[in-house]
PDB file of all heavy atoms in Angstrom:
ATOM      1  N   GLU A   1       8.318   8.786 -12.220  1.00  0.00           N
ATOM      2  CA  GLU A   1       7.558   8.766 -10.969  1.00  0.00           C
ATOM      3  C   GLU A   1       6.593   7.586 -10.940  1.00  0.00           C
ATOM      4  O   GLU A   1       6.475   6.882  -9.926  1.00  0.00           O
ATOM      5  CB  GLU A   1       6.787  10.074 -10.804  1.00  0.00           C
ATOM      6  CG  GLU A   1       6.001  10.158  -9.502  1.00  0.00           C
ATOM      7  CD  GLU A   1       5.200  11.460  -9.399  1.00  0.00           C
ATOM      8  OE1 GLU A   1       5.064  12.165 -10.420  1.00  0.00           O
ATOM      9  OE2 GLU A   1       4.708  11.753  -8.294  1.00  0.00           O
ATOM     10  N   ALA A   2       5.909   7.355 -12.059  1.00  0.00           N
ATOM     11  CA  ALA A   2       4.956   6.244 -12.136  1.00  0.00           C
ATOM     12  C   ALA A   2       5.669   4.898 -11.984  1.00  0.00           C
ATOM     13  O   ALA A   2       5.175   3.996 -11.292  1.00  0.00           O
ATOM     14  CB  ALA A   2       4.204   6.295 -13.460  1.00  0.00           C
ATOM     15  N   LYS A   3       6.830   4.746 -12.616  1.00  0.00           N
ATOM     16  CA  LYS A   3       7.596   3.501 -12.492  1.00  0.00           C
ATOM     17  C   LYS A   3       8.073   3.292 -11.061  1.00  0.00           C
ATOM     18  O   LYS A   3       8.063   2.169 -10.541  1.00  0.00           O
ATOM     19  CB  LYS A   3       8.791   3.534 -13.446  1.00  0.00           C
ATOM     20  CG  LYS A   3       8.430   3.418 -14.919  1.00  0.00           C
ATOM     21  CD  LYS A   3       9.679   3.533 -15.793  1.00  0.00           C
ATOM     22  CE  LYS A   3       9.329   3.475 -17.262  1.00  0.00           C
ATOM     23  NZ  LYS A   3      10.539   3.658 -18.120  1.00  0.00           N
ATOM     24  N   ALA A   4       8.493   4.381 -10.423  1.00  0.00           N
ATOM     25  CA  ALA A   4       8.965   4.286  -9.038  1.00  0.00           C
ATOM     26  C   ALA A   4       7.823   3.889  -8.111  1.00  0.00           C
ATOM     27  O   ALA A   4       8.016   3.091  -7.186  1.00  0.00           O
ATOM     28  CB  ALA A   4       9.571   5.618  -8.597  1.00  0.00           C
ATOM     29  N   TYR A   5       6.621   4.439  -8.365  1.00  0.00           N
ATOM     30  CA  TYR A   5       5.494   4.032  -7.527  1.00  0.00           C
ATOM     31  C   TYR A   5       5.136   2.579  -7.745  1.00  0.00           C
ATOM     32  O   TYR A   5       4.824   1.839  -6.799  1.00  0.00           O
ATOM     33  CB  TYR A   5       4.254   4.908  -7.753  1.00  0.00           C
ATOM     34  CG  TYR A   5       3.097   4.337  -6.977  1.00  0.00           C
ATOM     35  CD1 TYR A   5       3.124   4.344  -5.583  1.00  0.00           C
ATOM     36  CD2 TYR A   5       2.041   3.713  -7.621  1.00  0.00           C
ATOM     37  CE1 TYR A   5       2.112   3.751  -4.865  1.00  0.00           C
ATOM     38  CE2 TYR A   5       1.035   3.116  -6.903  1.00  0.00           C
ATOM     39  CZ  TYR A   5       1.066   3.138  -5.523  1.00  0.00           C
ATOM     40  OH  TYR A   5       0.075   2.527  -4.806  1.00  0.00           O
ATOM     41  N   ALA A   6       5.187   2.113  -8.996  1.00  0.00           N
ATOM     42  CA  ALA A   6       4.884   0.709  -9.288  1.00  0.00           C
ATOM     43  C   ALA A   6       5.842  -0.219  -8.542  1.00  0.00           C
ATOM     44  O   ALA A   6       5.435  -1.246  -7.991  1.00  0.00           O
ATOM     45  CB  ALA A   6       4.961   0.447 -10.788  1.00  0.00           C
ATOM     46  N   ALA A   7       7.123   0.161  -8.511  1.00  0.00           N
ATOM     47  CA  ALA A   7       8.116  -0.638  -7.794  1.00  0.00           C
ATOM     48  C   ALA A   7       7.839  -0.607  -6.287  1.00  0.00           C
ATOM     49  O   ALA A   7       7.936  -1.634  -5.599  1.00  0.00           O
ATOM     50  CB  ALA A   7       9.525  -0.122  -8.077  1.00  0.00           C
ATOM     51  N   PHE A   8       7.477   0.565  -5.768  1.00  0.00           N
ATOM     52  CA  PHE A   8       7.154   0.664  -4.348  1.00  0.00           C
ATOM     53  C   PHE A   8       5.902  -0.144  -4.026  1.00  0.00           C
ATOM     54  O   PHE A   8       5.828  -0.817  -2.987  1.00  0.00           O
ATOM     55  CB  PHE A   8       6.944   2.121  -3.941  1.00  0.00           C
ATOM     56  CG  PHE A   8       6.350   2.258  -2.568  1.00  0.00           C
ATOM     57  CD1 PHE A   8       7.121   2.006  -1.442  1.00  0.00           C
ATOM     58  CD2 PHE A   8       5.016   2.603  -2.396  1.00  0.00           C
ATOM     59  CE1 PHE A   8       6.576   2.094  -0.165  1.00  0.00           C
ATOM     60  CE2 PHE A   8       4.467   2.693  -1.129  1.00  0.00           C
ATOM     61  CZ  PHE A   8       5.250   2.443  -0.008  1.00  0.00           C
ATOM     62  N   ASP A   9       4.920  -0.100  -4.894  1.00  0.00           N
ATOM     63  CA  ASP A   9       3.675  -0.829  -4.684  1.00  0.00           C
ATOM     64  C   ASP A   9       3.942  -2.331  -4.596  1.00  0.00           C
ATOM     65  O   ASP A   9       3.352  -3.032  -3.767  1.00  0.00           O
ATOM     66  CB  ASP A   9       2.697  -0.515  -5.813  1.00  0.00           C
ATOM     67  CG  ASP A   9       1.316  -1.090  -5.549  1.00  0.00           C
ATOM     68  OD1 ASP A   9       0.801  -0.921  -4.431  1.00  0.00           O
ATOM     69  OD2 ASP A   9       0.753  -1.715  -6.463  1.00  0.00           O
ATOM     70  N   ARG A  10       4.838  -2.847  -5.458  1.00  0.00           N
ATOM     71  CA  ARG A  10       5.204  -4.261  -5.392  1.00  0.00           C
ATOM     72  C   ARG A  10       5.857  -4.579  -4.052  1.00  0.00           C
ATOM     73  O   ARG A  10       5.561  -5.598  -3.415  1.00  0.00           O
ATOM     74  CB  ARG A  10       6.143  -4.631  -6.541  1.00  0.00           C
ATOM     75  CG  ARG A  10       5.466  -4.691  -7.908  1.00  0.00           C
ATOM     76  CD  ARG A  10       6.347  -5.371  -8.926  1.00  0.00           C
ATOM     77  NE  ARG A  10       7.604  -4.659  -9.140  1.00  0.00           N
ATOM     78  CZ  ARG A  10       7.763  -3.678 -10.017  1.00  0.00           C
ATOM     79  NH1 ARG A  10       6.737  -3.278 -10.756  1.00  0.00           N
ATOM     80  NH2 ARG A  10       8.934  -3.094 -10.170  1.00  0.00           N
ATOM     81  N   TYR A  11       6.761  -3.695  -3.630  1.00  0.00           N
ATOM     82  CA  TYR A  11       7.437  -3.878  -2.340  1.00  0.00           C
ATOM     83  C   TYR A  11       6.420  -3.900  -1.204  1.00  0.00           C
ATOM     84  O   TYR A  11       6.453  -4.773  -0.332  1.00  0.00           O
ATOM     85  CB  TYR A  11       8.446  -2.745  -2.117  1.00  0.00           C
ATOM     86  CG  TYR A  11       8.944  -2.653  -0.700  1.00  0.00           C
ATOM     87  CD1 TYR A  11      10.033  -3.418  -0.282  1.00  0.00           C
ATOM     88  CD2 TYR A  11       8.316  -1.817   0.233  1.00  0.00           C
ATOM     89  CE1 TYR A  11      10.472  -3.344   1.044  1.00  0.00           C
ATOM     90  CE2 TYR A  11       8.755  -1.742   1.541  1.00  0.00           C
ATOM     91  CZ  TYR A  11       9.836  -2.507   1.948  1.00  0.00           C
ATOM     92  OH  TYR A  11      10.266  -2.445   3.241  1.00  0.00           O
ATOM     93  N   GLU A  12       5.501  -2.945  -1.218  1.00  0.00           N
ATOM     94  CA  GLU A  12       4.530  -2.823  -0.132  1.00  0.00           C
ATOM     95  C   GLU A  12       3.597  -4.028  -0.109  1.00  0.00           C
ATOM     96  O   GLU A  12       3.259  -4.553   0.958  1.00  0.00           O
ATOM     97  CB  GLU A  12       3.731  -1.526  -0.296  1.00  0.00           C
ATOM     98  CG  GLU A  12       2.814  -1.193   0.860  1.00  0.00           C
ATOM     99  CD  GLU A  12       3.546  -0.746   2.122  1.00  0.00           C
ATOM    100  OE1 GLU A  12       4.790  -0.671   2.109  1.00  0.00           O
ATOM    101  OE2 GLU A  12       2.863  -0.476   3.119  1.00  0.00           O
ATOM    102  N   THR A  13       3.207  -4.499  -1.290  1.00  0.00           N
ATOM    103  CA  THR A  13       2.322  -5.658  -1.378  1.00  0.00           C
ATOM    104  C   THR A  13       2.986  -6.892  -0.796  1.00  0.00           C
ATOM    105  O   THR A  13       2.365  -7.676  -0.069  1.00  0.00           O
ATOM    106  CB  THR A  13       1.923  -5.920  -2.838  1.00  0.00           C
ATOM    107  OG1 THR A  13       1.226  -4.775  -3.353  1.00  0.00           O
ATOM    108  CG2 THR A  13       1.030  -7.144  -2.956  1.00  0.00           C
ATOM    109  N   GLU A  14       4.261  -7.078  -1.101  1.00  0.00           N
ATOM    110  CA  GLU A  14       4.988  -8.249  -0.615  1.00  0.00           C
ATOM    111  C   GLU A  14       5.319  -8.144   0.872  1.00  0.00           C
ATOM    112  O   GLU A  14       5.422  -9.152   1.568  1.00  0.00           O
ATOM    113  CB  GLU A  14       6.281  -8.418  -1.411  1.00  0.00           C
ATOM    114  CG  GLU A  14       6.053  -8.782  -2.864  1.00  0.00           C
ATOM    115  CD  GLU A  14       7.326  -8.760  -3.687  1.00  0.00           C
ATOM    116  OE1 GLU A  14       8.398  -8.471  -3.105  1.00  0.00           O
ATOM    117  OE2 GLU A  14       7.250  -9.027  -4.902  1.00  0.00           O
ATOM    118  N   THR A  15       5.481  -6.920   1.371  1.00  0.00           N
ATOM    119  CA  THR A  15       5.915  -6.712   2.753  1.00  0.00           C
ATOM    120  C   THR A  15       4.765  -6.613   3.733  1.00  0.00           C
ATOM    121  O   THR A  15       4.850  -7.097   4.857  1.00  0.00           O
ATOM    122  CB  THR A  15       6.758  -5.422   2.852  1.00  0.00           C
ATOM    123  OG1 THR A  15       7.848  -5.489   1.939  1.00  0.00           O
ATOM    124  CG2 THR A  15       7.305  -5.235   4.259  1.00  0.00           C
ATOM    125  N   MET A  16       3.685  -5.996   3.298  1.00  0.00           N
ATOM    126  CA  MET A  16       2.591  -5.670   4.201  1.00  0.00           C
ATOM    127  C   MET A  16       1.891  -6.903   4.738  1.00  0.00           C
ATOM    128  O   MET A  16       1.571  -7.826   3.993  1.00  0.00           O
ATOM    129  CB  MET A  16       1.567  -4.791   3.459  1.00  0.00           C
ATOM    130  CG  MET A  16       0.451  -4.270   4.300  1.00  0.00           C
ATOM    131  SD  MET A  16       1.076  -3.057   5.483  1.00  0.00           S
ATOM    132  CE  MET A  16      -0.432  -2.629   6.318  1.00  0.00           C
ATOM    133  N   ASP A  17       1.644  -6.934   6.011  1.00  0.00           N
ATOM    134  CA  ASP A  17       0.845  -7.978   6.629  1.00  0.00           C
ATOM    135  C   ASP A  17      -0.599  -7.506   6.611  1.00  0.00           C
ATOM    136  O   ASP A  17      -1.018  -6.690   7.430  1.00  0.00           O
ATOM    137  CB  ASP A  17       1.305  -8.221   8.066  1.00  0.00           C
ATOM    138  CG  ASP A  17       0.509  -9.326   8.742  1.00  0.00           C
ATOM    139  OD1 ASP A  17      -0.427  -9.860   8.126  1.00  0.00           O
ATOM    140  OD2 ASP A  17       0.834  -9.648   9.894  1.00  0.00           O
ATOM    141  N   TYR A  18      -1.391  -8.010   5.673  1.00  0.00           N
ATOM    142  CA  TYR A  18      -2.737  -7.488   5.487  1.00  0.00           C
ATOM    143  C   TYR A  18      -3.673  -7.814   6.643  1.00  0.00           C
ATOM    144  O   TYR A  18      -4.768  -7.293   6.737  1.00  0.00           O
ATOM    145  CB  TYR A  18      -3.314  -8.003   4.175  1.00  0.00           C
ATOM    146  CG  TYR A  18      -2.684  -7.317   2.998  1.00  0.00           C
ATOM    147  CD1 TYR A  18      -1.663  -7.937   2.289  1.00  0.00           C
ATOM    148  CD2 TYR A  18      -3.078  -6.040   2.620  1.00  0.00           C
ATOM    149  CE1 TYR A  18      -1.060  -7.297   1.219  1.00  0.00           C
ATOM    150  CE2 TYR A  18      -2.476  -5.399   1.554  1.00  0.00           C
ATOM    151  CZ  TYR A  18      -1.469  -6.035   0.853  1.00  0.00           C
ATOM    152  OH  TYR A  18      -0.871  -5.395  -0.193  1.00  0.00           O
ATOM    153  N   ARG A  19      -3.233  -8.669   7.554  1.00  0.00           N
ATOM    154  CA  ARG A  19      -4.068  -8.931   8.716  1.00  0.00           C
ATOM    155  C   ARG A  19      -4.161  -7.711   9.614  1.00  0.00           C
ATOM    156  O   ARG A  19      -5.014  -7.642  10.496  1.00  0.00           O
ATOM    157  CB  ARG A  19      -3.503 -10.118   9.499  1.00  0.00           C
ATOM    158  CG  ARG A  19      -3.713 -11.447   8.781  1.00  0.00           C
ATOM    159  CD  ARG A  19      -3.024 -12.566   9.512  1.00  0.00           C
ATOM    160  NE  ARG A  19      -1.582 -12.358   9.545  1.00  0.00           N
ATOM    161  CZ  ARG A  19      -0.726 -13.197  10.135  1.00  0.00           C
ATOM    162  NH1 ARG A  19      -1.182 -14.266  10.744  1.00  0.00           N
ATOM    163  NH2 ARG A  19       0.562 -12.942  10.121  1.00  0.00           N
ATOM    164  N   MET A  20      -3.280  -6.732   9.413  1.00  0.00           N
ATOM    165  CA  MET A  20      -3.327  -5.512  10.221  1.00  0.00           C
ATOM    166  C   MET A  20      -4.501  -4.626   9.832  1.00  0.00           C
ATOM    167  O   MET A  20      -4.751  -3.610  10.457  1.00  0.00           O
ATOM    168  CB  MET A  20      -2.028  -4.724  10.073  1.00  0.00           C
ATOM    169  CG  MET A  20      -0.833  -5.399  10.703  1.00  0.00           C
ATOM    170  SD  MET A  20       0.599  -4.310  10.806  1.00  0.00           S
ATOM    171  CE  MET A  20       0.927  -3.979   9.074  1.00  0.00           C
ATOM    172  N   SER A  21      -5.226  -4.990   8.777  1.00  0.00           N
ATOM    173  CA  SER A  21      -6.289  -4.120   8.285  1.00  0.00           C
ATOM    174  C   SER A  21      -7.545  -4.170   9.148  1.00  0.00           C
ATOM    175  O   SER A  21      -8.618  -3.786   8.715  1.00  0.00           O
ATOM    176  CB  SER A  21      -6.650  -4.501   6.846  1.00  0.00           C
ATOM    177  OG  SER A  21      -7.127  -5.832   6.780  1.00  0.00           O
ATOM    178  N   ASP A  22      -7.413  -4.610  10.413  1.00  0.00           N
ATOM    179  CA  ASP A  22      -8.566  -4.597  11.303  1.00  0.00           C
ATOM    180  C   ASP A  22      -8.831  -3.218  11.870  1.00  0.00           C
ATOM    181  O   ASP A  22      -9.727  -3.038  12.670  1.00  0.00           O
ATOM    182  CB  ASP A  22      -8.389  -5.609  12.449  1.00  0.00           C
ATOM    183  CG  ASP A  22      -7.175  -5.302  13.312  1.00  0.00           C
ATOM    184  OD1 ASP A  22      -6.337  -4.497  12.869  1.00  0.00           O
ATOM    185  OD2 ASP A  22      -7.065  -5.866  14.405  1.00  0.00           O
ATOM    186  N   THR A  23      -8.044  -2.212  11.479  1.00  0.00           N
ATOM    187  CA  THR A  23      -8.339  -0.833  11.869  1.00  0.00           C
ATOM    188  C   THR A  23      -8.641  -0.034  10.618  1.00  0.00           C
ATOM    189  O   THR A  23      -8.046  -0.264   9.559  1.00  0.00           O
ATOM    190  CB  THR A  23      -7.158  -0.174  12.604  1.00  0.00           C
ATOM    191  OG1 THR A  23      -6.057  -0.057  11.702  1.00  0.00           O
ATOM    192  CG2 THR A  23      -6.739  -0.981  13.816  1.00  0.00           C
ATOM    193  N   GLY A  24      -9.564   0.906  10.739  1.00  0.00           N
ATOM    194  CA  GLY A  24      -9.962   1.691   9.580  1.00  0.00           C
ATOM    195  C   GLY A  24      -8.823   2.454   8.968  1.00  0.00           C
ATOM    196  O   GLY A  24      -8.708   2.572   7.750  1.00  0.00           O
ATOM    197  N   SER A  25      -7.934   3.020   9.812  1.00  0.00           N
ATOM    198  CA  SER A  25      -6.844   3.830   9.286  1.00  0.00           C
ATOM    199  C   SER A  25      -5.901   2.998   8.448  1.00  0.00           C
ATOM    200  O   SER A  25      -5.389   3.434   7.423  1.00  0.00           O
ATOM    201  CB  SER A  25      -6.064   4.478  10.436  1.00  0.00           C
ATOM    202  OG  SER A  25      -5.517   3.502  11.298  1.00  0.00           O
ATOM    203  N   VAL A  26      -5.643   1.748   8.875  1.00  0.00           N
ATOM    204  CA  VAL A  26      -4.748   0.874   8.114  1.00  0.00           C
ATOM    205  C   VAL A  26      -5.394   0.496   6.796  1.00  0.00           C
ATOM    206  O   VAL A  26      -4.765   0.501   5.740  1.00  0.00           O
ATOM    207  CB  VAL A  26      -4.405  -0.386   8.934  1.00  0.00           C
ATOM    208  CG1 VAL A  26      -3.615  -1.380   8.089  1.00  0.00           C
ATOM    209  CG2 VAL A  26      -3.600  -0.016  10.166  1.00  0.00           C
ATOM    210  N   ASP A  27      -6.697   0.167   6.828  1.00  0.00           N
ATOM    211  CA  ASP A  27      -7.375  -0.231   5.608  1.00  0.00           C
ATOM    212  C   ASP A  27      -7.367   0.897   4.595  1.00  0.00           C
ATOM    213  O   ASP A  27      -7.147   0.679   3.404  1.00  0.00           O
ATOM    214  CB  ASP A  27      -8.819  -0.630   5.942  1.00  0.00           C
ATOM    215  CG  ASP A  27      -9.561  -1.146   4.726  1.00  0.00           C
ATOM    216  OD1 ASP A  27      -9.135  -2.177   4.179  1.00  0.00           O
ATOM    217  OD2 ASP A  27     -10.553  -0.508   4.316  1.00  0.00           O
ATOM    218  N   ARG A  28      -7.590   2.141   5.053  1.00  0.00           N
ATOM    219  CA  ARG A  28      -7.570   3.269   4.118  1.00  0.00           C
ATOM    220  C   ARG A  28      -6.184   3.452   3.517  1.00  0.00           C
ATOM    221  O   ARG A  28      -6.046   3.781   2.350  1.00  0.00           O
ATOM    222  CB  ARG A  28      -8.012   4.538   4.846  1.00  0.00           C
ATOM    223  CG  ARG A  28      -9.497   4.591   5.136  1.00  0.00           C
ATOM    224  CD  ARG A  28      -9.915   5.984   5.563  1.00  0.00           C
ATOM    225  NE  ARG A  28      -9.272   6.402   6.780  1.00  0.00           N
ATOM    226  CZ  ARG A  28      -9.740   6.110   7.985  1.00  0.00           C
ATOM    227  NH1 ARG A  28     -10.837   5.395   8.130  1.00  0.00           N
ATOM    228  NH2 ARG A  28      -9.113   6.547   9.059  1.00  0.00           N
ATOM    229  N   ALA A  29      -5.147   3.245   4.335  1.00  0.00           N
ATOM    230  CA  ALA A  29      -3.778   3.407   3.849  1.00  0.00           C
ATOM    231  C   ALA A  29      -3.452   2.381   2.788  1.00  0.00           C
ATOM    232  O   ALA A  29      -2.790   2.670   1.791  1.00  0.00           O
ATOM    233  CB  ALA A  29      -2.795   3.305   5.014  1.00  0.00           C
ATOM    234  N   ILE A  30      -3.930   1.137   2.994  1.00  0.00           N
ATOM    235  CA  ILE A  30      -3.667   0.079   2.024  1.00  0.00           C
ATOM    236  C   ILE A  30      -4.291   0.401   0.681  1.00  0.00           C
ATOM    237  O   ILE A  30      -3.716   0.159  -0.380  1.00  0.00           O
ATOM    238  CB  ILE A  30      -4.222  -1.267   2.544  1.00  0.00           C
ATOM    239  CG1 ILE A  30      -3.406  -1.721   3.760  1.00  0.00           C
ATOM    240  CG2 ILE A  30      -4.187  -2.335   1.466  1.00  0.00           C
ATOM    241  CD1 ILE A  30      -4.003  -2.928   4.459  1.00  0.00           C
ATOM    242  N   ARG A  31      -5.491   0.993   0.700  1.00  0.00           N
ATOM    243  CA  ARG A  31      -6.240   1.209  -0.527  1.00  0.00           C
ATOM    244  C   ARG A  31      -5.849   2.471  -1.273  1.00  0.00           C
ATOM    245  O   ARG A  31      -6.253   2.672  -2.412  1.00  0.00           O
ATOM    246  CB  ARG A  31      -7.747   1.257  -0.213  1.00  0.00           C
ATOM    247  CG  ARG A  31      -8.261  -0.052   0.362  1.00  0.00           C
ATOM    248  CD  ARG A  31      -9.708   0.076   0.804  1.00  0.00           C
ATOM    249  NE  ARG A  31     -10.159  -1.131   1.475  1.00  0.00           N
ATOM    250  CZ  ARG A  31     -10.601  -2.217   0.864  1.00  0.00           C
ATOM    251  NH1 ARG A  31     -10.643  -2.252  -0.451  1.00  0.00           N
ATOM    252  NH2 ARG A  31     -10.993  -3.270   1.558  1.00  0.00           N
ATOM    253  N   ARG A  32      -5.026   3.341  -0.667  1.00  0.00           N
ATOM    254  CA  ARG A  32      -4.713   4.626  -1.273  1.00  0.00           C
ATOM    255  C   ARG A  32      -3.485   4.537  -2.160  1.00  0.00           C
ATOM    256  O   ARG A  32      -2.515   3.886  -1.833  1.00  0.00           O
ATOM    257  CB  ARG A  32      -4.479   5.677  -0.181  1.00  0.00           C
ATOM    258  CG  ARG A  32      -4.269   7.064  -0.726  1.00  0.00           C
ATOM    259  CD  ARG A  32      -3.981   8.049   0.390  1.00  0.00           C
ATOM    260  NE  ARG A  32      -5.109   8.139   1.294  1.00  0.00           N
ATOM    261  CZ  ARG A  32      -5.052   7.811   2.573  1.00  0.00           C
ATOM    262  NH1 ARG A  32      -3.939   7.371   3.094  1.00  0.00           N
ATOM    263  NH2 ARG A  32      -6.124   7.923   3.338  1.00  0.00           N
ATOM    264  N   SER A  33      -3.512   5.209  -3.276  1.00  0.00           N
ATOM    265  CA  SER A  33      -2.351   5.278  -4.172  1.00  0.00           C
ATOM    266  C   SER A  33      -1.672   6.625  -4.027  1.00  0.00           C
ATOM    267  O   SER A  33      -2.255   7.648  -4.340  1.00  0.00           O
ATOM    268  CB  SER A  33      -2.797   5.102  -5.632  1.00  0.00           C
ATOM    269  OG  SER A  33      -1.787   5.536  -6.508  1.00  0.00           O
ATOM    270  N   PRO A  34      -0.426   6.653  -3.537  1.00  0.00           N
ATOM    271  CA  PRO A  34       0.255   7.940  -3.390  1.00  0.00           C
ATOM    272  C   PRO A  34       0.503   8.610  -4.731  1.00  0.00           C
ATOM    273  O   PRO A  34       0.539   9.830  -4.832  1.00  0.00           O
ATOM    274  CB  PRO A  34       1.562   7.566  -2.693  1.00  0.00           C
ATOM    275  CG  PRO A  34       1.779   6.149  -3.009  1.00  0.00           C
ATOM    276  CD  PRO A  34       0.405   5.539  -3.102  1.00  0.00           C
ATOM    277  N   TYR A  35       0.649   7.839  -5.804  1.00  0.00           N
ATOM    278  CA  TYR A  35       0.848   8.445  -7.113  1.00  0.00           C
ATOM    279  C   TYR A  35      -0.355   9.275  -7.494  1.00  0.00           C
ATOM    280  O   TYR A  35      -0.247  10.370  -8.044  1.00  0.00           O
ATOM    281  CB  TYR A  35       1.119   7.362  -8.162  1.00  0.00           C
ATOM    282  CG  TYR A  35       1.295   7.942  -9.554  1.00  0.00           C
ATOM    283  CD1 TYR A  35       2.350   8.840  -9.789  1.00  0.00           C
ATOM    284  CD2 TYR A  35       0.424   7.638 -10.578  1.00  0.00           C
ATOM    285  CE1 TYR A  35       2.519   9.398 -11.041  1.00  0.00           C
ATOM    286  CE2 TYR A  35       0.603   8.200 -11.827  1.00  0.00           C
ATOM    287  CZ  TYR A  35       1.646   9.063 -12.070  1.00  0.00           C
ATOM    288  OH  TYR A  35       1.807   9.607 -13.304  1.00  0.00           O
ATOM    289  N   GLU A  36      -1.554   8.783  -7.158  1.00  0.00           N
ATOM    290  CA  GLU A  36      -2.760   9.559  -7.438  1.00  0.00           C
ATOM    291  C   GLU A  36      -2.749  10.847  -6.630  1.00  0.00           C
ATOM    292  O   GLU A  36      -3.185  11.878  -7.081  1.00  0.00           O
ATOM    293  CB  GLU A  36      -4.009   8.729  -7.082  1.00  0.00           C
ATOM    294  CG  GLU A  36      -4.231   7.550  -8.010  1.00  0.00           C
ATOM    295  CD  GLU A  36      -4.484   7.975  -9.434  1.00  0.00           C
ATOM    296  OE1 GLU A  36      -5.139   9.016  -9.635  1.00  0.00           O
ATOM    297  OE2 GLU A  36      -4.047   7.281 -10.350  1.00  0.00           O
TER     298      GLU A  36
END
């Protein structure tokens, strides 16, 4: 599970357009770890 999350995290980091973080909900989503 931890390895799968690490792989997903890499995907999300490379895919996500961080300029979308001008809304609170998006910023919270970016900072949250689903594995936690």
